[in-house]
Amino acid sequence: VTFAAPSGYKLKVVINNQTLEDEQYIRFV
C-alpha cells in the first residue's frame, strides 16, 4: 500500500504497528 500527498506535505502513517514518515510518499510492502 502506498500513501501520497501534494508537494509540501509531510506524512506519517501507522499500520499494523509499523510507523513510516516521509515527505509526500510512503509505501508499506
mmCIF file of all heavy atoms, coordinates in Angstrom:
data_MODEL
# 
_entry.id   MODEL 
# 
loop_
_atom_site.group_PDB 
_atom_site.id 
_atom_site.type_symbol 
_atom_site.label_atom_id 
_atom_site.label_alt_id 
_atom_site.label_comp_id 
_atom_site.label_asym_id 
_atom_site.label_entity_id 
_atom_site.label_seq_id 
_atom_site.pdbx_PDB_ins_code 
_atom_site.Cartn_x 
_atom_site.Cartn_y 
_atom_site.Cartn_z 
_atom_site.occupancy 
_atom_site.B_iso_or_equiv 
_atom_site.pdbx_formal_charge 
_atom_site.auth_seq_id 
_atom_site.auth_comp_id 
_atom_site.auth_asym_id 
_atom_site.auth_atom_id 
_atom_site.pdbx_PDB_model_num 
ATOM 1   N N   . VAL A 1 1  ? 0.844  -1.189 0.000  1.00 0.00 ? 1  VAL A N   1 
ATOM 2   C CA  . VAL A 1 1  ? 0.000  0.000  0.000  1.00 0.00 ? 1  VAL A CA  1 
ATOM 3   C C   . VAL A 1 1  ? 0.881  1.243  0.000  1.00 0.00 ? 1  VAL A C   1 
ATOM 4   O O   . VAL A 1 1  ? 1.918  1.297  0.658  1.00 0.00 ? 1  VAL A O   1 
ATOM 5   C CB  . VAL A 1 1  ? -0.968 0.012  1.209  1.00 0.00 ? 1  VAL A CB  1 
ATOM 6   C CG1 . VAL A 1 1  ? -0.215 0.009  2.535  1.00 0.00 ? 1  VAL A CG1 1 
ATOM 7   C CG2 . VAL A 1 1  ? -1.923 1.195  1.131  1.00 0.00 ? 1  VAL A CG2 1 
ATOM 8   N N   . THR A 1 2  ? 0.451  2.230  -0.771 1.00 0.00 ? 2  THR A N   1 
ATOM 9   C CA  . THR A 1 2  ? 1.176  3.489  -0.920 1.00 0.00 ? 2  THR A CA  1 
ATOM 10  C C   . THR A 1 2  ? 0.277  4.650  -0.509 1.00 0.00 ? 2  THR A C   1 
ATOM 11  O O   . THR A 1 2  ? -0.921 4.653  -0.819 1.00 0.00 ? 2  THR A O   1 
ATOM 12  C CB  . THR A 1 2  ? 1.610  3.678  -2.391 1.00 0.00 ? 2  THR A CB  1 
ATOM 13  O OG1 . THR A 1 2  ? 2.553  2.677  -2.730 1.00 0.00 ? 2  THR A OG1 1 
ATOM 14  C CG2 . THR A 1 2  ? 2.238  5.039  -2.605 1.00 0.00 ? 2  THR A CG2 1 
ATOM 15  N N   . PHE A 1 3  ? 0.869  5.617  0.169  1.00 0.00 ? 3  PHE A N   1 
ATOM 16  C CA  . PHE A 1 3  ? 0.179  6.858  0.518  1.00 0.00 ? 3  PHE A CA  1 
ATOM 17  C C   . PHE A 1 3  ? 0.982  8.019  -0.069 1.00 0.00 ? 3  PHE A C   1 
ATOM 18  O O   . PHE A 1 3  ? 2.209  8.077  0.087  1.00 0.00 ? 3  PHE A O   1 
ATOM 19  C CB  . PHE A 1 3  ? 0.068  7.033  2.031  1.00 0.00 ? 3  PHE A CB  1 
ATOM 20  C CG  . PHE A 1 3  ? -0.702 5.949  2.717  1.00 0.00 ? 3  PHE A CG  1 
ATOM 21  C CD1 . PHE A 1 3  ? -0.064 4.786  3.137  1.00 0.00 ? 3  PHE A CD1 1 
ATOM 22  C CD2 . PHE A 1 3  ? -2.067 6.070  2.922  1.00 0.00 ? 3  PHE A CD2 1 
ATOM 23  C CE1 . PHE A 1 3  ? -0.771 3.768  3.765  1.00 0.00 ? 3  PHE A CE1 1 
ATOM 24  C CE2 . PHE A 1 3  ? -2.776 5.061  3.550  1.00 0.00 ? 3  PHE A CE2 1 
ATOM 25  C CZ  . PHE A 1 3  ? -2.124 3.909  3.969  1.00 0.00 ? 3  PHE A CZ  1 
ATOM 26  N N   . ALA A 1 4  ? 0.306  8.928  -0.750 1.00 0.00 ? 4  ALA A N   1 
ATOM 27  C CA  . ALA A 1 4  ? 0.985  10.077 -1.349 1.00 0.00 ? 4  ALA A CA  1 
ATOM 28  C C   . ALA A 1 4  ? 0.181  11.337 -1.072 1.00 0.00 ? 4  ALA A C   1 
ATOM 29  O O   . ALA A 1 4  ? -1.015 11.282 -0.768 1.00 0.00 ? 4  ALA A O   1 
ATOM 30  C CB  . ALA A 1 4  ? 1.169  9.873  -2.848 1.00 0.00 ? 4  ALA A CB  1 
ATOM 31  N N   . ALA A 1 5  ? 0.852  12.479 -1.178 1.00 0.00 ? 5  ALA A N   1 
ATOM 32  C CA  . ALA A 1 5  ? 0.221  13.769 -0.893 1.00 0.00 ? 5  ALA A CA  1 
ATOM 33  C C   . ALA A 1 5  ? 0.831  14.831 -1.792 1.00 0.00 ? 5  ALA A C   1 
ATOM 34  O O   . ALA A 1 5  ? 1.879  14.604 -2.411 1.00 0.00 ? 5  ALA A O   1 
ATOM 35  C CB  . ALA A 1 5  ? 0.406  14.139 0.578  1.00 0.00 ? 5  ALA A CB  1 
ATOM 36  N N   . PRO A 1 6  ? 0.199  15.991 -1.910 1.00 0.00 ? 6  PRO A N   1 
ATOM 37  C CA  . PRO A 1 6  ? 0.762  17.066 -2.737 1.00 0.00 ? 6  PRO A CA  1 
ATOM 38  C C   . PRO A 1 6  ? 2.098  17.562 -2.192 1.00 0.00 ? 6  PRO A C   1 
ATOM 39  O O   . PRO A 1 6  ? 2.483  17.281 -1.058 1.00 0.00 ? 6  PRO A O   1 
ATOM 40  C CB  . PRO A 1 6  ? -0.310 18.165 -2.665 1.00 0.00 ? 6  PRO A CB  1 
ATOM 41  C CG  . PRO A 1 6  ? -1.556 17.474 -2.256 1.00 0.00 ? 6  PRO A CG  1 
ATOM 42  C CD  . PRO A 1 6  ? -1.128 16.349 -1.378 1.00 0.00 ? 6  PRO A CD  1 
ATOM 43  N N   . SER A 1 7  ? 2.789  18.324 -3.019 1.00 0.00 ? 7  SER A N   1 
ATOM 44  C CA  . SER A 1 7  ? 4.062  18.924 -2.631 1.00 0.00 ? 7  SER A CA  1 
ATOM 45  C C   . SER A 1 7  ? 3.883  19.790 -1.389 1.00 0.00 ? 7  SER A C   1 
ATOM 46  O O   . SER A 1 7  ? 2.901  20.515 -1.253 1.00 0.00 ? 7  SER A O   1 
ATOM 47  C CB  . SER A 1 7  ? 4.608  19.766 -3.788 1.00 0.00 ? 7  SER A CB  1 
ATOM 48  O OG  . SER A 1 7  ? 5.794  20.424 -3.414 1.00 0.00 ? 7  SER A OG  1 
ATOM 49  N N   . GLY A 1 8  ? 4.842  19.697 -0.475 1.00 0.00 ? 8  GLY A N   1 
ATOM 50  C CA  . GLY A 1 8  ? 4.786  20.493 0.742  1.00 0.00 ? 8  GLY A CA  1 
ATOM 51  C C   . GLY A 1 8  ? 4.252  19.752 1.945  1.00 0.00 ? 8  GLY A C   1 
ATOM 52  O O   . GLY A 1 8  ? 4.350  20.236 3.082  1.00 0.00 ? 8  GLY A O   1 
ATOM 53  N N   . TYR A 1 9  ? 3.676  18.576 1.723  1.00 0.00 ? 9  TYR A N   1 
ATOM 54  C CA  . TYR A 1 9  ? 3.141  17.781 2.821  1.00 0.00 ? 9  TYR A CA  1 
ATOM 55  C C   . TYR A 1 9  ? 4.237  16.894 3.410  1.00 0.00 ? 9  TYR A C   1 
ATOM 56  O O   . TYR A 1 9  ? 5.143  16.432 2.716  1.00 0.00 ? 9  TYR A O   1 
ATOM 57  C CB  . TYR A 1 9  ? 2.026  16.857 2.333  1.00 0.00 ? 9  TYR A CB  1 
ATOM 58  C CG  . TYR A 1 9  ? 0.678  17.499 2.160  1.00 0.00 ? 9  TYR A CG  1 
ATOM 59  C CD1 . TYR A 1 9  ? 0.477  18.545 1.261  1.00 0.00 ? 9  TYR A CD1 1 
ATOM 60  C CD2 . TYR A 1 9  ? -0.427 17.043 2.862  1.00 0.00 ? 9  TYR A CD2 1 
ATOM 61  C CE1 . TYR A 1 9  ? -0.766 19.112 1.069  1.00 0.00 ? 9  TYR A CE1 1 
ATOM 62  C CE2 . TYR A 1 9  ? -1.685 17.604 2.691  1.00 0.00 ? 9  TYR A CE2 1 
ATOM 63  C CZ  . TYR A 1 9  ? -1.846 18.631 1.787  1.00 0.00 ? 9  TYR A CZ  1 
ATOM 64  O OH  . TYR A 1 9  ? -3.087 19.196 1.607  1.00 0.00 ? 9  TYR A OH  1 
ATOM 65  N N   . LYS A 1 10 ? 4.130  16.626 4.694  1.00 0.00 ? 10 LYS A N   1 
ATOM 66  C CA  . LYS A 1 10 ? 4.913  15.585 5.344  1.00 0.00 ? 10 LYS A CA  1 
ATOM 67  C C   . LYS A 1 10 ? 3.934  14.584 5.938  1.00 0.00 ? 10 LYS A C   1 
ATOM 68  O O   . LYS A 1 10 ? 2.985  14.966 6.622  1.00 0.00 ? 10 LYS A O   1 
ATOM 69  C CB  . LYS A 1 10 ? 5.817  16.152 6.437  1.00 0.00 ? 10 LYS A CB  1 
ATOM 70  C CG  . LYS A 1 10 ? 6.692  15.085 7.080  1.00 0.00 ? 10 LYS A CG  1 
ATOM 71  C CD  . LYS A 1 10 ? 7.674  15.674 8.082  1.00 0.00 ? 10 LYS A CD  1 
ATOM 72  C CE  . LYS A 1 10 ? 8.560  14.583 8.667  1.00 0.00 ? 10 LYS A CE  1 
ATOM 73  N NZ  . LYS A 1 10 ? 9.533  15.126 9.663  1.00 0.00 ? 10 LYS A NZ  1 
ATOM 74  N N   . LEU A 1 11 ? 4.159  13.298 5.666  1.00 0.00 ? 11 LEU A N   1 
ATOM 75  C CA  . LEU A 1 11 ? 3.228  12.266 6.085  1.00 0.00 ? 11 LEU A CA  1 
ATOM 76  C C   . LEU A 1 11 ? 3.839  11.362 7.146  1.00 0.00 ? 11 LEU A C   1 
ATOM 77  O O   . LEU A 1 11 ? 5.033  11.075 7.128  1.00 0.00 ? 11 LEU A O   1 
ATOM 78  C CB  . LEU A 1 11 ? 2.813  11.401 4.888  1.00 0.00 ? 11 LEU A CB  1 
ATOM 79  C CG  . LEU A 1 11 ? 2.021  12.071 3.770  1.00 0.00 ? 11 LEU A CG  1 
ATOM 80  C CD1 . LEU A 1 11 ? 1.749  11.072 2.654  1.00 0.00 ? 11 LEU A CD1 1 
ATOM 81  C CD2 . LEU A 1 11 ? 0.712  12.645 4.300  1.00 0.00 ? 11 LEU A CD2 1 
ATOM 82  N N   . LYS A 1 12 ? 2.994  10.906 8.036  1.00 0.00 ? 12 LYS A N   1 
ATOM 83  C CA  . LYS A 1 12 ? 3.334  9.857  8.992  1.00 0.00 ? 12 LYS A CA  1 
ATOM 84  C C   . LYS A 1 12 ? 2.156  8.887  9.009  1.00 0.00 ? 12 LYS A C   1 
ATOM 85  O O   . LYS A 1 12 ? 1.012  9.305  9.219  1.00 0.00 ? 12 LYS A O   1 
ATOM 86  C CB  . LYS A 1 12 ? 3.567  10.438 10.381 1.00 0.00 ? 12 LYS A CB  1 
ATOM 87  C CG  . LYS A 1 12 ? 3.824  9.380  11.457 1.00 0.00 ? 12 LYS A CG  1 
ATOM 88  C CD  . LYS A 1 12 ? 4.000  10.032 12.829 1.00 0.00 ? 12 LYS A CD  1 
ATOM 89  C CE  . LYS A 1 12 ? 4.169  9.010  13.927 1.00 0.00 ? 12 LYS A CE  1 
ATOM 90  N NZ  . LYS A 1 12 ? 4.308  9.644  15.267 1.00 0.00 ? 12 LYS A NZ  1 
ATOM 91  N N   . VAL A 1 13 ? 2.423  7.614  8.782  1.00 0.00 ? 13 VAL A N   1 
ATOM 92  C CA  . VAL A 1 13 ? 1.365  6.612  8.710  1.00 0.00 ? 13 VAL A CA  1 
ATOM 93  C C   . VAL A 1 13 ? 1.730  5.432  9.605  1.00 0.00 ? 13 VAL A C   1 
ATOM 94  O O   . VAL A 1 13 ? 2.869  4.949  9.571  1.00 0.00 ? 13 VAL A O   1 
ATOM 95  C CB  . VAL A 1 13 ? 1.128  6.126  7.267  1.00 0.00 ? 13 VAL A CB  1 
ATOM 96  C CG1 . VAL A 1 13 ? -0.015 5.122  7.222  1.00 0.00 ? 13 VAL A CG1 1 
ATOM 97  C CG2 . VAL A 1 13 ? 0.832  7.310  6.341  1.00 0.00 ? 13 VAL A CG2 1 
ATOM 98  N N   . VAL A 1 14 ? 0.765  4.973  10.385 1.00 0.00 ? 14 VAL A N   1 
ATOM 99  C CA  . VAL A 1 14 ? 0.943  3.801  11.241 1.00 0.00 ? 14 VAL A CA  1 
ATOM 100 C C   . VAL A 1 14 ? -0.031 2.725  10.789 1.00 0.00 ? 14 VAL A C   1 
ATOM 101 O O   . VAL A 1 14 ? -1.248 2.944  10.758 1.00 0.00 ? 14 VAL A O   1 
ATOM 102 C CB  . VAL A 1 14 ? 0.692  4.141  12.727 1.00 0.00 ? 14 VAL A CB  1 
ATOM 103 C CG1 . VAL A 1 14 ? 0.913  2.897  13.595 1.00 0.00 ? 14 VAL A CG1 1 
ATOM 104 C CG2 . VAL A 1 14 ? 1.594  5.282  13.184 1.00 0.00 ? 14 VAL A CG2 1 
ATOM 105 N N   . ILE A 1 15 ? 0.513  1.567  10.416 1.00 0.00 ? 15 ILE A N   1 
ATOM 106 C CA  . ILE A 1 15 ? -0.289 0.408  10.010 1.00 0.00 ? 15 ILE A CA  1 
ATOM 107 C C   . ILE A 1 15 ? 0.323  -0.832 10.648 1.00 0.00 ? 15 ILE A C   1 
ATOM 108 O O   . ILE A 1 15 ? 1.530  -1.066 10.521 1.00 0.00 ? 15 ILE A O   1 
ATOM 109 C CB  . ILE A 1 15 ? -0.322 0.232  8.482  1.00 0.00 ? 15 ILE A CB  1 
ATOM 110 C CG1 . ILE A 1 15 ? -1.054 1.393  7.809  1.00 0.00 ? 15 ILE A CG1 1 
ATOM 111 C CG2 . ILE A 1 15 ? -1.009 -1.077 8.101  1.00 0.00 ? 15 ILE A CG2 1 
ATOM 112 C CD1 . ILE A 1 15 ? -1.103 1.264  6.301  1.00 0.00 ? 15 ILE A CD1 1 
ATOM 113 N N   . ASN A 1 16 ? -0.509 -1.619 11.307 1.00 0.00 ? 16 ASN A N   1 
ATOM 114 C CA  . ASN A 1 16 ? -0.064 -2.906 11.827 1.00 0.00 ? 16 ASN A CA  1 
ATOM 115 C C   . ASN A 1 16 ? 1.195  -2.749 12.694 1.00 0.00 ? 16 ASN A C   1 
ATOM 116 O O   . ASN A 1 16 ? 2.143  -3.524 12.578 1.00 0.00 ? 16 ASN A O   1 
ATOM 117 C CB  . ASN A 1 16 ? 0.200  -3.871 10.663 1.00 0.00 ? 16 ASN A CB  1 
ATOM 118 C CG  . ASN A 1 16 ? 0.254  -5.316 11.108 1.00 0.00 ? 16 ASN A CG  1 
ATOM 119 O OD1 . ASN A 1 16 ? -0.410 -5.700 12.075 1.00 0.00 ? 16 ASN A OD1 1 
ATOM 120 N ND2 . ASN A 1 16 ? 1.055  -6.117 10.414 1.00 0.00 ? 16 ASN A ND2 1 
ATOM 121 N N   . ASN A 1 17 ? 1.196  -1.722 13.531 1.00 0.00 ? 17 ASN A N   1 
ATOM 122 C CA  . ASN A 1 17 ? 2.314  -1.428 14.437 1.00 0.00 ? 17 ASN A CA  1 
ATOM 123 C C   . ASN A 1 17 ? 3.594  -1.001 13.708 1.00 0.00 ? 17 ASN A C   1 
ATOM 124 O O   . ASN A 1 17 ? 4.664  -0.941 14.318 1.00 0.00 ? 17 ASN A O   1 
ATOM 125 C CB  . ASN A 1 17 ? 2.622  -2.617 15.355 1.00 0.00 ? 17 ASN A CB  1 
ATOM 126 C CG  . ASN A 1 17 ? 1.471  -2.920 16.295 1.00 0.00 ? 17 ASN A CG  1 
ATOM 127 O OD1 . ASN A 1 17 ? 0.824  -2.005 16.816 1.00 0.00 ? 17 ASN A OD1 1 
ATOM 128 N ND2 . ASN A 1 17 ? 1.194  -4.199 16.516 1.00 0.00 ? 17 ASN A ND2 1 
ATOM 129 N N   . GLN A 1 18 ? 3.495  -0.729 12.406 1.00 0.00 ? 18 GLN A N   1 
ATOM 130 C CA  . GLN A 1 18 ? 4.622  -0.168 11.662 1.00 0.00 ? 18 GLN A CA  1 
ATOM 131 C C   . GLN A 1 18 ? 4.388  1.333  11.484 1.00 0.00 ? 18 GLN A C   1 
ATOM 132 O O   . GLN A 1 18 ? 3.291  1.752  11.134 1.00 0.00 ? 18 GLN A O   1 
ATOM 133 C CB  . GLN A 1 18 ? 4.765  -0.812 10.278 1.00 0.00 ? 18 GLN A CB  1 
ATOM 134 C CG  . GLN A 1 18 ? 5.065  -2.293 10.285 1.00 0.00 ? 18 GLN A CG  1 
ATOM 135 C CD  . GLN A 1 18 ? 5.244  -2.798 8.869  1.00 0.00 ? 18 GLN A CD  1 
ATOM 136 O OE1 . GLN A 1 18 ? 6.092  -2.313 8.120  1.00 0.00 ? 18 GLN A OE1 1 
ATOM 137 N NE2 . GLN A 1 18 ? 4.449  -3.782 8.487  1.00 0.00 ? 18 GLN A NE2 1 
ATOM 138 N N   . THR A 1 19 ? 5.424  2.122  11.697 1.00 0.00 ? 19 THR A N   1 
ATOM 139 C CA  . THR A 1 19 ? 5.335  3.574  11.534 1.00 0.00 ? 19 THR A CA  1 
ATOM 140 C C   . THR A 1 19 ? 6.341  4.028  10.484 1.00 0.00 ? 19 THR A C   1 
ATOM 141 O O   . THR A 1 19 ? 7.533  3.721  10.579 1.00 0.00 ? 19 THR A O   1 
ATOM 142 C CB  . THR A 1 19 ? 5.621  4.303  12.851 1.00 0.00 ? 19 THR A CB  1 
ATOM 143 O OG1 . THR A 1 19 ? 4.700  3.853  13.855 1.00 0.00 ? 19 THR A OG1 1 
ATOM 144 C CG2 . THR A 1 19 ? 5.485  5.815  12.682 1.00 0.00 ? 19 THR A CG2 1 
ATOM 145 N N   . LEU A 1 20 ? 5.859  4.749  9.468  1.00 0.00 ? 20 LEU A N   1 
ATOM 146 C CA  . LEU A 1 20 ? 6.727  5.305  8.439  1.00 0.00 ? 20 LEU A CA  1 
ATOM 147 C C   . LEU A 1 20 ? 6.456  6.799  8.326  1.00 0.00 ? 20 LEU A C   1 
ATOM 148 O O   . LEU A 1 20 ? 5.306  7.240  8.403  1.00 0.00 ? 20 LEU A O   1 
ATOM 149 C CB  . LEU A 1 20 ? 6.499  4.625  7.089  1.00 0.00 ? 20 LEU A CB  1 
ATOM 150 C CG  . LEU A 1 20 ? 6.876  3.136  6.976  1.00 0.00 ? 20 LEU A CG  1 
ATOM 151 C CD1 . LEU A 1 20 ? 6.570  2.616  5.582  1.00 0.00 ? 20 LEU A CD1 1 
ATOM 152 C CD2 . LEU A 1 20 ? 8.336  2.912  7.313  1.00 0.00 ? 20 LEU A CD2 1 
ATOM 153 N N   . GLU A 1 21 ? 7.519  7.570  8.120  1.00 0.00 ? 21 GLU A N   1 
ATOM 154 C CA  . GLU A 1 21 ? 7.418  9.014  7.937  1.00 0.00 ? 21 GLU A CA  1 
ATOM 155 C C   . GLU A 1 21 ? 8.234  9.427  6.721  1.00 0.00 ? 21 GLU A C   1 
ATOM 156 O O   . GLU A 1 21 ? 9.334  8.920  6.504  1.00 0.00 ? 21 GLU A O   1 
ATOM 157 C CB  . GLU A 1 21 ? 7.948  9.761  9.165  1.00 0.00 ? 21 GLU A CB  1 
ATOM 158 C CG  . GLU A 1 21 ? 7.146  9.551  10.431 1.00 0.00 ? 21 GLU A CG  1 
ATOM 159 C CD  . GLU A 1 21 ? 7.656  10.398 11.580 1.00 0.00 ? 21 GLU A CD  1 
ATOM 160 O OE1 . GLU A 1 21 ? 7.625  11.643 11.455 1.00 0.00 ? 21 GLU A OE1 1 
ATOM 161 O OE2 . GLU A 1 21 ? 8.098  9.822  12.589 1.00 0.00 ? 21 GLU A OE2 1 
ATOM 162 N N   . ASP A 1 22 ? 7.705  10.357 5.926  1.00 0.00 ? 22 ASP A N   1 
ATOM 163 C CA  . ASP A 1 22 ? 8.441  10.878 4.779  1.00 0.00 ? 22 ASP A CA  1 
ATOM 164 C C   . ASP A 1 22 ? 7.669  12.063 4.213  1.00 0.00 ? 22 ASP A C   1 
ATOM 165 O O   . ASP A 1 22 ? 6.524  12.320 4.597  1.00 0.00 ? 22 ASP A O   1 
ATOM 166 C CB  . ASP A 1 22 ? 8.618  9.798  3.704  1.00 0.00 ? 22 ASP A CB  1 
ATOM 167 C CG  . ASP A 1 22 ? 9.796  10.083 2.779  1.00 0.00 ? 22 ASP A CG  1 
ATOM 168 O OD1 . ASP A 1 22 ? 10.356 11.193 2.862  1.00 0.00 ? 22 ASP A OD1 1 
ATOM 169 O OD2 . ASP A 1 22 ? 10.155 9.212  1.971  1.00 0.00 ? 22 ASP A OD2 1 
ATOM 170 N N   . GLU A 1 23 ? 8.291  12.762 3.271  1.00 0.00 ? 23 GLU A N   1 
ATOM 171 C CA  . GLU A 1 23 ? 7.625  13.855 2.578  1.00 0.00 ? 23 GLU A CA  1 
ATOM 172 C C   . GLU A 1 23 ? 6.907  13.315 1.353  1.00 0.00 ? 23 GLU A C   1 
ATOM 173 O O   . GLU A 1 23 ? 7.519  12.679 0.497  1.00 0.00 ? 23 GLU A O   1 
ATOM 174 C CB  . GLU A 1 23 ? 8.643  14.913 2.159  1.00 0.00 ? 23 GLU A CB  1 
ATOM 175 C CG  . GLU A 1 23 ? 9.304  15.613 3.340  1.00 0.00 ? 23 GLU A CG  1 
ATOM 176 C CD  . GLU A 1 23 ? 10.279 16.683 2.888  1.00 0.00 ? 23 GLU A CD  1 
ATOM 177 O OE1 . GLU A 1 23 ? 10.439 16.843 1.659  1.00 0.00 ? 23 GLU A OE1 1 
ATOM 178 O OE2 . GLU A 1 23 ? 10.884 17.335 3.756  1.00 0.00 ? 23 GLU A OE2 1 
ATOM 179 N N   . GLN A 1 24 ? 5.609  13.536 1.303  1.00 0.00 ? 24 GLN A N   1 
ATOM 180 C CA  . GLN A 1 24 ? 4.755  13.239 0.154  1.00 0.00 ? 24 GLN A CA  1 
ATOM 181 C C   . GLN A 1 24 ? 4.471  11.766 -0.080 1.00 0.00 ? 24 GLN A C   1 
ATOM 182 O O   . GLN A 1 24 ? 3.395  11.420 -0.544 1.00 0.00 ? 24 GLN A O   1 
ATOM 183 C CB  . GLN A 1 24 ? 5.354  13.812 -1.145 1.00 0.00 ? 24 GLN A CB  1 
ATOM 184 C CG  . GLN A 1 24 ? 5.301  15.322 -1.239 1.00 0.00 ? 24 GLN A CG  1 
ATOM 185 C CD  . GLN A 1 24 ? 5.718  15.769 -2.616 1.00 0.00 ? 24 GLN A CD  1 
ATOM 186 O OE1 . GLN A 1 24 ? 6.834  16.211 -2.811 1.00 0.00 ? 24 GLN A OE1 1 
ATOM 187 N NE2 . GLN A 1 24 ? 4.835  15.630 -3.575 1.00 0.00 ? 24 GLN A NE2 1 
ATOM 188 N N   . TYR A 1 25 ? 5.397  10.848 0.219  1.00 0.00 ? 25 TYR A N   1 
ATOM 189 C CA  . TYR A 1 25 ? 5.263  9.493  -0.296 1.00 0.00 ? 25 TYR A CA  1 
ATOM 190 C C   . TYR A 1 25 ? 5.690  8.463  0.744  1.00 0.00 ? 25 TYR A C   1 
ATOM 191 O O   . TYR A 1 25 ? 6.798  8.526  1.271  1.00 0.00 ? 25 TYR A O   1 
ATOM 192 C CB  . TYR A 1 25 ? 6.115  9.360  -1.561 1.00 0.00 ? 25 TYR A CB  1 
ATOM 193 C CG  . TYR A 1 25 ? 6.174  7.968  -2.139 1.00 0.00 ? 25 TYR A CG  1 
ATOM 194 C CD1 . TYR A 1 25 ? 5.104  7.452  -2.852 1.00 0.00 ? 25 TYR A CD1 1 
ATOM 195 C CD2 . TYR A 1 25 ? 7.315  7.182  -1.980 1.00 0.00 ? 25 TYR A CD2 1 
ATOM 196 C CE1 . TYR A 1 25 ? 5.167  6.177  -3.388 1.00 0.00 ? 25 TYR A CE1 1 
ATOM 197 C CE2 . TYR A 1 25 ? 7.380  5.910  -2.522 1.00 0.00 ? 25 TYR A CE2 1 
ATOM 198 C CZ  . TYR A 1 25 ? 6.302  5.410  -3.220 1.00 0.00 ? 25 TYR A CZ  1 
ATOM 199 O OH  . TYR A 1 25 ? 6.359  4.150  -3.748 1.00 0.00 ? 25 TYR A OH  1 
ATOM 200 N N   . ILE A 1 26 ? 4.798  7.513  1.051  1.00 0.00 ? 26 ILE A N   1 
ATOM 201 C CA  . ILE A 1 26 ? 5.082  6.427  1.993  1.00 0.00 ? 26 ILE A CA  1 
ATOM 202 C C   . ILE A 1 26 ? 4.580  5.124  1.394  1.00 0.00 ? 26 ILE A C   1 
ATOM 203 O O   . ILE A 1 26 ? 3.491  5.078  0.803  1.00 0.00 ? 26 ILE A O   1 
ATOM 204 C CB  . ILE A 1 26 ? 4.403  6.691  3.352  1.00 0.00 ? 26 ILE A CB  1 
ATOM 205 C CG1 . ILE A 1 26 ? 5.134  7.804  4.107  1.00 0.00 ? 26 ILE A CG1 1 
ATOM 206 C CG2 . ILE A 1 26 ? 4.363  5.422  4.206  1.00 0.00 ? 26 ILE A CG2 1 
ATOM 207 C CD1 . ILE A 1 26 ? 4.485  8.182  5.411  1.00 0.00 ? 26 ILE A CD1 1 
ATOM 208 N N   . ARG A 1 27 ? 5.378  4.059  1.555  1.00 0.00 ? 27 ARG A N   1 
ATOM 209 C CA  . ARG A 1 27 ? 4.997  2.765  0.988  1.00 0.00 ? 27 ARG A CA  1 
ATOM 210 C C   . ARG A 1 27 ? 5.253  1.638  1.980  1.00 0.00 ? 27 ARG A C   1 
ATOM 211 O O   . ARG A 1 27 ? 6.348  1.503  2.514  1.00 0.00 ? 27 ARG A O   1 
ATOM 212 C CB  . ARG A 1 27 ? 5.797  2.509  -0.295 1.00 0.00 ? 27 ARG A CB  1 
ATOM 213 C CG  . ARG A 1 27 ? 5.357  1.268  -1.065 1.00 0.00 ? 27 ARG A CG  1 
ATOM 214 C CD  . ARG A 1 27 ? 6.288  1.044  -2.233 1.00 0.00 ? 27 ARG A CD  1 
ATOM 215 N NE  . ARG A 1 27 ? 5.821  -0.019 -3.118 1.00 0.00 ? 27 ARG A NE  1 
ATOM 216 C CZ  . ARG A 1 27 ? 6.622  -0.796 -3.834 1.00 0.00 ? 27 ARG A CZ  1 
ATOM 217 N NH1 . ARG A 1 27 ? 7.931  -0.637 -3.761 1.00 0.00 ? 27 ARG A NH1 1 
ATOM 218 N NH2 . ARG A 1 27 ? 6.128  -1.740 -4.600 1.00 0.00 ? 27 ARG A NH2 1 
ATOM 219 N N   . PHE A 1 28 ? 4.208  0.835  2.234  1.00 0.00 ? 28 PHE A N   1 
ATOM 220 C CA  . PHE A 1 28 ? 4.323  -0.375 3.043  1.00 0.00 ? 28 PHE A CA  1 
ATOM 221 C C   . PHE A 1 28 ? 4.302  -1.587 2.109  1.00 0.00 ? 28 PHE A C   1 
ATOM 222 O O   . PHE A 1 28 ? 3.464  -1.655 1.192  1.00 0.00 ? 28 PHE A O   1 
ATOM 223 C CB  . PHE A 1 28 ? 3.151  -0.489 4.021  1.00 0.00 ? 28 PHE A CB  1 
ATOM 224 C CG  . PHE A 1 28 ? 3.127  0.544  5.107  1.00 0.00 ? 28 PHE A CG  1 
ATOM 225 C CD1 . PHE A 1 28 ? 2.576  1.796  4.880  1.00 0.00 ? 28 PHE A CD1 1 
ATOM 226 C CD2 . PHE A 1 28 ? 3.644  0.272  6.364  1.00 0.00 ? 28 PHE A CD2 1 
ATOM 227 C CE1 . PHE A 1 28 ? 2.537  2.750  5.885  1.00 0.00 ? 28 PHE A CE1 1 
ATOM 228 C CE2 . PHE A 1 28 ? 3.607  1.222  7.374  1.00 0.00 ? 28 PHE A CE2 1 
ATOM 229 C CZ  . PHE A 1 28 ? 3.061  2.463  7.137  1.00 0.00 ? 28 PHE A CZ  1 
ATOM 230 N N   . VAL A 1 29 ? 5.208  -2.543 2.344  1.00 0.00 ? 29 VAL A N   1 
ATOM 231 C CA  . VAL A 1 29 ? 5.271  -3.739 1.498  1.00 0.00 ? 29 VAL A CA  1 
ATOM 232 C C   . VAL A 1 29 ? 5.159  -4.986 2.367  1.00 0.00 ? 29 VAL A C   1 
ATOM 233 O O   . VAL A 1 29 ? 5.369  -4.949 3.582  1.00 0.00 ? 29 VAL A O   1 
ATOM 234 C CB  . VAL A 1 29 ? 6.578  -3.783 0.667  1.00 0.00 ? 29 VAL A CB  1 
ATOM 235 C CG1 . VAL A 1 29 ? 6.673  -2.571 -0.241 1.00 0.00 ? 29 VAL A CG1 1 
ATOM 236 C CG2 . VAL A 1 29 ? 7.801  -3.866 1.579  1.00 0.00 ? 29 VAL A CG2 1 
# 
